[in-house]
Amino acid sequence: MLRRQARLRREYLYRKAVESKHKIIQEKKERIKRSLEEHIPIHGDLKKDALDLQEKLKWTDEGANTADSKDDEYRYAGCEDPKIMITTSRDPSSRLKQFVKELRLIFPNAQRMNRGNFEMKQIIHACRANNVTDFIVVHEHRGVPDNLTICHLPYGPTASFSMSGIVMRHDIPEIGTMSEQKPHLIFHNFKTKLAERTMSILRFLFPVPKEDSKRVMTFANHDDFISFRHHTYRMVDKQLELTECGPRFQLMLYQIKLGTMDELDAADTEWVYRPYMNTAAKRRFLSDDDGWQEDNETPS
C-alpha cells in the first residue's frame, strides 16, 4: 500500500511538472502571436526562441494544451460531496475547541476529531483510508486561534493561512440560527493566478448548492486579507433581508506546498510569502497581476 501511494504521488508530481513546462511554452506562443498580430516588436527574452515558436504556431491549435493538475487534485469536485475532517493542535484551549465546533458547522459533511496523542502520519493515513477529501488543522497562540492549514487528500496541495480578527458566534449581536443547507459562495476581488489557486482550494471545500438554498458565504479579498462572512437571507416585502450567522475571521495566505501534511519536509513549495516581500508596500498578490511568484522548483 505504501509503495503504491508513493508511486501514485510520483506520477502526480511528474504530470504537474510537465504541465508547468507546457504552460510556459504556451504563454510564449501567445505573446509572439500577439506581437505578430499587433505589429509590435517581439520582446527581447523571446527573440532567441522566436523562430522555433513561430513555426510551431502553424501546427498548434489554439488552446491545445489541455493538461490541468486539477484533474488530479479535484477530479471528483462537483460529482461527489467533499468529506472534511477538522482537528486542532495538541492540548487545545477551551476557546479553540469552541471555535472548531463553529468551524465544523460552516462546512457541510464535516466532522471534528479530538487530536489526542496521534501523530500526523497516523491521522493522514486514516483519512486516506476513509476517503476524506480535505483535512483541516487549526492552531492557536495563548488561547487565540491564529493559524489554519488546509490539506487536500490524497496528494495535496497544502495551504497555510494566518488567522486574525476572530469573532465567535456568541459575540455577534442579534445572531441568527445556523443553517445546514449547502451554501452559495461569493468570491470578491480574486484576480491573479495565485488568487485563482487560492479560490480553488477554498471553493472545493463546499458541495454544489441547490438553487433554493438561502445560505451564503462570502470570501472578500482586501489587501491580501480574505474576510469571511456567513449569512442567511430571505425576502420580506420584496426586499432582501440578510441575517448574519457567524463566525467572522480573516485569512492571509502565506504558503502553498505540493504535498500533504505528513510529508511537508520533502514536498516542493508552490508559493511562499517571504520576508523580503514586505518591502513592496503597494504590491498585492491576490489582486495585482504581478503577484504570482513561483519558486520554480522541479518536483522530484
Protein backbone atom coordinates (compact mmCIF):
# COMPACT_ATOMS: atom_id res chain seq x y z
CA MET A 1 0.00 0.00 0.00
CA LEU A 2 2.83 2.42 0.87
CA ARG A 3 4.67 1.62 -2.37
CA ARG A 4 1.52 2.20 -4.39
CA GLN A 5 0.89 5.52 -2.62
CA ALA A 6 4.48 6.62 -3.31
CA ARG A 7 4.20 5.61 -6.97
CA LEU A 8 0.92 7.50 -7.43
CA ARG A 9 2.41 10.59 -5.84
CA ARG A 10 5.48 10.46 -8.14
CA GLU A 11 3.21 10.16 -11.16
CA TYR A 12 1.13 13.12 -9.95
CA LEU A 13 4.21 15.32 -9.42
CA TYR A 14 5.58 14.34 -12.83
CA ARG A 15 2.31 15.32 -14.53
CA LYS A 16 2.33 18.63 -12.67
CA ALA A 17 5.93 19.35 -13.75
CA VAL A 18 5.08 18.58 -17.39
CA GLU A 19 2.01 20.79 -17.14
CA SER A 20 4.12 23.68 -15.83
CA LYS A 21 6.53 23.39 -18.79
CA HIS A 22 3.63 23.29 -21.27
CA LYS A 23 2.12 26.42 -19.72
CA ILE A 24 5.39 28.36 -20.06
CA ILE A 25 5.73 27.39 -23.74
CA GLN A 26 2.07 28.20 -24.40
CA GLU A 27 2.43 31.65 -22.81
CA LYS A 28 5.45 32.39 -25.03
CA LYS A 29 3.49 31.32 -28.11
CA GLU A 30 0.61 33.62 -27.18
CA ARG A 31 2.97 36.58 -26.63
CA ILE A 32 4.61 36.02 -30.04
CA LYS A 33 1.24 35.64 -31.72
CA ARG A 34 0.01 38.87 -30.12
CA SER A 35 3.14 40.71 -31.28
CA LEU A 36 2.68 39.48 -34.86
CA GLU A 37 -1.00 40.41 -34.95
CA GLU A 38 -0.48 43.88 -33.47
CA HIS A 39 2.72 44.54 -35.50
CA ILE A 40 4.86 45.35 -32.48
CA PRO A 41 8.49 44.25 -31.83
CA ILE A 42 8.97 40.88 -30.18
CA HIS A 43 10.22 41.16 -26.63
CA GLY A 44 13.94 40.62 -26.12
CA ASP A 45 13.61 37.50 -23.98
CA LEU A 46 11.62 35.80 -26.76
CA LYS A 47 13.91 36.56 -29.71
CA LYS A 48 16.13 33.53 -29.10
CA ASP A 49 13.23 31.06 -29.48
CA ALA A 50 11.03 33.24 -31.69
CA LEU A 51 11.63 31.38 -34.99
CA ASP A 52 11.09 27.96 -33.45
CA LEU A 53 7.94 29.01 -31.60
CA GLN A 54 6.61 30.85 -34.65
CA GLU A 55 7.00 27.66 -36.68
CA LYS A 56 5.14 25.69 -34.01
CA LEU A 57 2.29 28.19 -34.09
CA LYS A 58 1.40 26.97 -37.60
CA TRP A 59 0.76 23.43 -36.33
CA THR A 60 -0.70 24.21 -32.93
CA ASP A 61 -4.40 24.69 -32.39
CA GLU A 62 -5.41 27.47 -30.01
CA GLY A 63 -5.94 26.10 -26.54
CA ALA A 64 -4.47 22.73 -27.45
CA ASN A 65 -2.77 22.42 -24.08
CA THR A 66 -5.46 20.71 -22.04
CA ALA A 67 -3.27 19.35 -19.24
CA ASP A 68 -4.51 20.53 -15.88
CA SER A 69 -3.44 19.40 -12.42
CA LYS A 70 -6.99 19.97 -11.21
CA ASP A 71 -7.85 16.74 -13.00
CA ASP A 72 -5.69 15.02 -10.37
CA GLU A 73 -6.35 17.22 -7.35
CA TYR A 74 -10.08 17.86 -7.71
CA ARG A 75 -11.26 15.20 -10.14
CA TYR A 76 -14.42 14.44 -8.10
CA ALA A 77 -15.34 18.07 -7.45
CA GLY A 78 -18.98 18.68 -8.29
CA CYS A 79 -19.68 14.94 -8.64
CA GLU A 80 -19.27 13.92 -5.01
CA ASP A 81 -19.66 15.99 -1.86
CA PRO A 82 -16.35 16.71 -0.10
CA LYS A 83 -15.68 14.85 3.14
CA ILE A 84 -13.82 17.03 5.65
CA MET A 85 -12.05 16.22 8.90
CA ILE A 86 -11.24 19.06 11.32
CA THR A 87 -8.89 18.87 14.29
CA THR A 88 -6.69 21.11 16.43
CA SER A 89 -3.16 21.28 17.73
CA ARG A 90 -2.39 19.24 20.82
CA ASP A 91 -3.84 20.29 24.21
CA PRO A 92 -6.30 22.87 22.80
CA SER A 93 -7.76 25.63 24.95
CA SER A 94 -11.50 25.96 25.57
CA ARG A 95 -11.70 28.88 23.12
CA LEU A 96 -10.04 26.87 20.37
CA LYS A 97 -12.42 23.96 21.00
CA GLN A 98 -15.38 26.32 20.73
CA PHE A 99 -14.06 27.85 17.50
CA VAL A 100 -13.53 24.42 15.92
CA LYS A 101 -17.11 23.46 16.81
CA GLU A 102 -18.36 26.56 15.00
CA LEU A 103 -15.98 25.90 12.10
CA ARG A 104 -17.39 22.39 11.70
CA LEU A 105 -20.88 23.85 11.22
CA ILE A 106 -19.63 26.01 8.34
CA PHE A 107 -18.64 23.05 6.17
CA PRO A 108 -21.41 20.59 5.25
CA ASN A 109 -20.44 16.95 5.77
CA ALA A 110 -17.57 17.87 8.13
CA GLN A 111 -16.53 16.00 11.26
CA ARG A 112 -14.48 17.13 14.24
CA MET A 113 -11.82 14.89 15.75
CA ASN A 114 -10.00 15.21 19.07
CA ARG A 115 -6.27 15.38 18.35
CA GLY A 116 -5.11 13.45 21.41
CA ASN A 117 -1.61 11.99 21.05
CA PHE A 118 -1.98 10.87 17.44
CA GLU A 119 0.92 11.51 15.07
CA MET A 120 0.21 13.41 11.87
CA LYS A 121 1.18 10.42 9.69
CA GLN A 122 -1.34 8.22 11.52
CA ILE A 123 -4.12 10.76 11.05
CA ILE A 124 -3.42 11.32 7.35
CA HIS A 125 -3.23 7.56 6.74
CA ALA A 126 -6.59 7.05 8.48
CA CYS A 127 -8.14 9.92 6.49
CA ARG A 128 -6.98 8.42 3.19
CA ALA A 129 -8.37 5.01 4.18
CA ASN A 130 -11.76 6.61 4.92
CA ASN A 131 -11.89 8.66 1.69
CA VAL A 132 -11.55 12.03 3.41
CA THR A 133 -11.04 14.72 0.77
CA ASP A 134 -9.77 17.56 2.97
CA PHE A 135 -8.03 17.66 6.34
CA ILE A 136 -8.10 20.94 8.32
CA VAL A 137 -5.93 21.77 11.34
CA VAL A 138 -6.45 24.87 13.50
CA HIS A 139 -3.59 26.15 15.68
CA GLU A 140 -3.58 28.75 18.46
CA HIS A 141 -1.27 31.09 20.35
CA ARG A 142 -2.06 31.80 24.00
CA GLY A 143 -5.64 30.68 23.60
CA VAL A 144 -6.31 32.65 20.40
CA PRO A 145 -6.72 30.72 17.10
CA ASP A 146 -4.08 32.09 14.74
CA ASN A 147 -3.40 29.53 12.00
CA LEU A 148 -5.48 27.45 9.60
CA THR A 149 -3.97 24.67 7.45
CA ILE A 150 -6.00 23.03 4.67
CA CYS A 151 -4.61 19.76 3.32
CA HIS A 152 -6.26 18.25 0.26
CA LEU A 153 -6.07 14.49 0.02
CA PRO A 154 -4.71 12.18 -1.29
CA TYR A 155 -1.82 14.16 -2.94
CA GLY A 156 -2.16 17.80 -1.89
CA PRO A 157 -1.85 20.74 -2.08
CA THR A 158 -1.50 22.02 1.48
CA ALA A 159 -2.34 25.69 2.00
CA SER A 160 -1.44 27.55 5.20
CA PHE A 161 -3.26 30.69 6.31
CA SER A 162 -2.75 33.02 9.25
CA MET A 163 -5.96 33.96 11.06
CA SER A 164 -6.94 37.23 12.72
CA GLY A 165 -9.98 39.23 13.77
CA ILE A 166 -11.88 36.20 15.03
CA VAL A 167 -15.37 36.89 16.39
CA MET A 168 -17.30 33.93 17.79
CA ARG A 169 -21.00 33.43 17.21
CA HIS A 170 -21.97 34.30 20.78
CA ASP A 171 -20.08 37.62 20.49
CA ILE A 172 -22.14 38.80 17.49
CA PRO A 173 -25.32 40.74 18.45
CA GLU A 174 -28.65 39.57 17.03
CA ILE A 175 -27.12 36.39 15.67
CA GLY A 176 -29.24 34.12 13.51
CA THR A 177 -29.67 30.37 13.68
CA MET A 178 -27.10 28.17 11.94
CA SER A 179 -28.47 26.73 8.71
CA GLU A 180 -27.39 23.29 7.49
CA GLN A 181 -28.10 23.97 3.81
CA LYS A 182 -25.33 23.74 1.22
CA PRO A 183 -24.20 27.36 0.83
CA HIS A 184 -23.79 29.62 -2.15
CA LEU A 185 -20.27 31.11 -2.34
CA ILE A 186 -19.22 34.67 -3.17
CA PHE A 187 -15.57 35.42 -4.01
CA HIS A 188 -14.70 39.10 -4.37
CA ASN A 189 -11.50 40.63 -5.80
CA PHE A 190 -9.63 37.42 -6.66
CA LYS A 191 -7.83 38.49 -9.84
CA THR A 192 -4.38 36.88 -10.13
CA LYS A 193 -3.28 33.33 -10.87
CA LEU A 194 -2.39 32.91 -7.21
CA ALA A 195 -5.83 34.22 -6.29
CA GLU A 196 -7.48 31.68 -8.61
CA ARG A 197 -5.40 28.92 -6.99
CA THR A 198 -6.45 30.11 -3.52
CA MET A 199 -10.07 30.35 -4.62
CA SER A 200 -9.99 26.75 -5.88
CA ILE A 201 -8.59 25.50 -2.56
CA LEU A 202 -11.39 27.24 -0.65
CA ARG A 203 -14.19 26.62 -3.15
CA PHE A 204 -13.79 22.87 -3.31
CA LEU A 205 -14.30 22.57 0.45
CA PHE A 206 -18.02 23.09 -0.21
CA PRO A 207 -20.50 20.93 -2.13
CA VAL A 208 -22.62 22.19 -5.00
CA PRO A 209 -25.63 24.05 -3.52
CA LYS A 210 -29.25 23.70 -4.52
CA GLU A 211 -30.94 26.63 -6.25
CA ASP A 212 -33.35 27.26 -3.37
CA SER A 213 -30.58 27.42 -0.73
CA LYS A 214 -30.84 30.54 1.46
CA ARG A 215 -27.32 30.29 2.87
CA VAL A 216 -24.47 32.49 1.60
CA MET A 217 -20.77 32.55 2.48
CA THR A 218 -18.54 35.40 1.36
CA PHE A 219 -14.76 35.46 0.88
CA ALA A 220 -13.81 39.09 0.20
CA ASN A 221 -10.19 39.97 -0.55
CA HIS A 222 -8.83 43.35 0.53
CA ASP A 223 -5.06 43.97 0.64
CA ASP A 224 -4.48 40.18 0.59
CA PHE A 225 -6.62 39.69 3.70
CA ILE A 226 -9.58 37.40 2.99
CA SER A 227 -12.57 38.34 5.14
CA PHE A 228 -15.06 35.56 5.80
CA ARG A 229 -18.75 36.28 6.46
CA HIS A 230 -21.66 33.89 6.83
CA HIS A 231 -25.29 34.92 6.22
CA THR A 232 -28.74 33.60 5.51
CA TYR A 233 -31.26 35.63 3.52
CA ARG A 234 -34.98 35.87 2.95
CA MET A 235 -37.40 38.07 1.04
CA VAL A 236 -39.52 40.43 3.17
CA ASP A 237 -41.96 42.66 1.26
CA LYS A 238 -39.96 42.17 -1.93
CA GLN A 239 -36.78 43.26 -0.17
CA LEU A 240 -33.76 41.14 0.63
CA GLU A 241 -33.04 40.74 4.34
CA LEU A 242 -29.68 39.38 5.49
CA THR A 243 -29.10 37.70 8.85
CA GLU A 244 -25.54 37.04 9.99
CA CYS A 245 -24.82 33.56 11.34
CA GLY A 246 -21.13 33.89 12.24
CA PRO A 247 -18.37 33.35 12.98
CA ARG A 248 -16.21 36.09 11.48
CA PHE A 249 -12.50 35.89 10.74
CA GLN A 250 -9.77 36.96 8.33
CA LEU A 251 -7.33 34.74 6.46
CA MET A 252 -3.98 35.59 4.93
CA LEU A 253 -2.26 33.04 2.70
CA TYR A 254 1.45 32.56 3.38
CA GLN A 255 2.32 29.16 1.88
CA ILE A 256 1.20 26.51 -0.62
CA LYS A 257 3.01 23.16 -0.61
CA LEU A 258 2.76 20.41 -3.24
CA GLY A 259 2.16 17.63 -0.77
CA THR A 260 0.20 16.52 2.27
CA MET A 261 0.87 17.40 5.90
CA ASP A 262 2.70 14.16 6.66
CA GLU A 263 5.39 14.90 4.05
CA LEU A 264 5.79 18.69 4.08
CA ASP A 265 9.55 18.46 4.66
CA ALA A 266 10.02 16.62 1.37
CA ALA A 267 7.30 18.45 -0.57
CA ASP A 268 8.07 21.18 -3.07
CA THR A 269 6.95 24.75 -2.45
CA GLU A 270 4.48 26.11 -4.97
CA TRP A 271 4.31 29.58 -3.41
CA VAL A 272 5.53 31.13 -0.17
CA TYR A 273 5.34 34.61 1.33
CA ARG A 274 8.94 35.59 2.08
CA PRO A 275 10.21 38.35 4.39
CA TYR A 276 11.68 40.47 1.58
CA MET A 277 8.21 40.79 0.03
CA ASN A 278 7.32 43.22 2.83
CA THR A 279 9.43 45.90 1.12
CA ALA A 280 6.88 46.21 -1.70
CA ALA A 281 4.30 48.21 0.22
CA LYS A 282 1.90 48.61 -2.70
CA ARG A 283 2.23 45.09 -4.03
CA ARG A 284 -0.77 42.79 -3.74
CA PHE A 285 -0.55 39.08 -4.51
CA LEU A 286 -4.27 38.28 -4.84
CA SER A 287 -5.48 41.38 -6.67
CA ASP A 288 -2.38 42.55 -8.58
CA ASP A 289 -1.32 40.97 -11.90
CA ASP A 290 2.30 40.82 -10.69
CA GLY A 291 1.53 38.85 -7.56
CA TRP A 292 2.32 35.31 -8.74
CA GLN A 293 5.79 34.36 -7.52
CA GLU A 294 6.68 30.71 -8.01
CA ASP A 295 9.79 29.13 -6.56
CA ASN A 296 10.42 27.38 -9.91
CA GLU A 297 11.35 24.18 -8.17
CA THR A 298 11.11 20.99 -10.17
CA PRO A 299 9.09 18.32 -8.34
CA SER A 300 11.05 15.17 -7.67
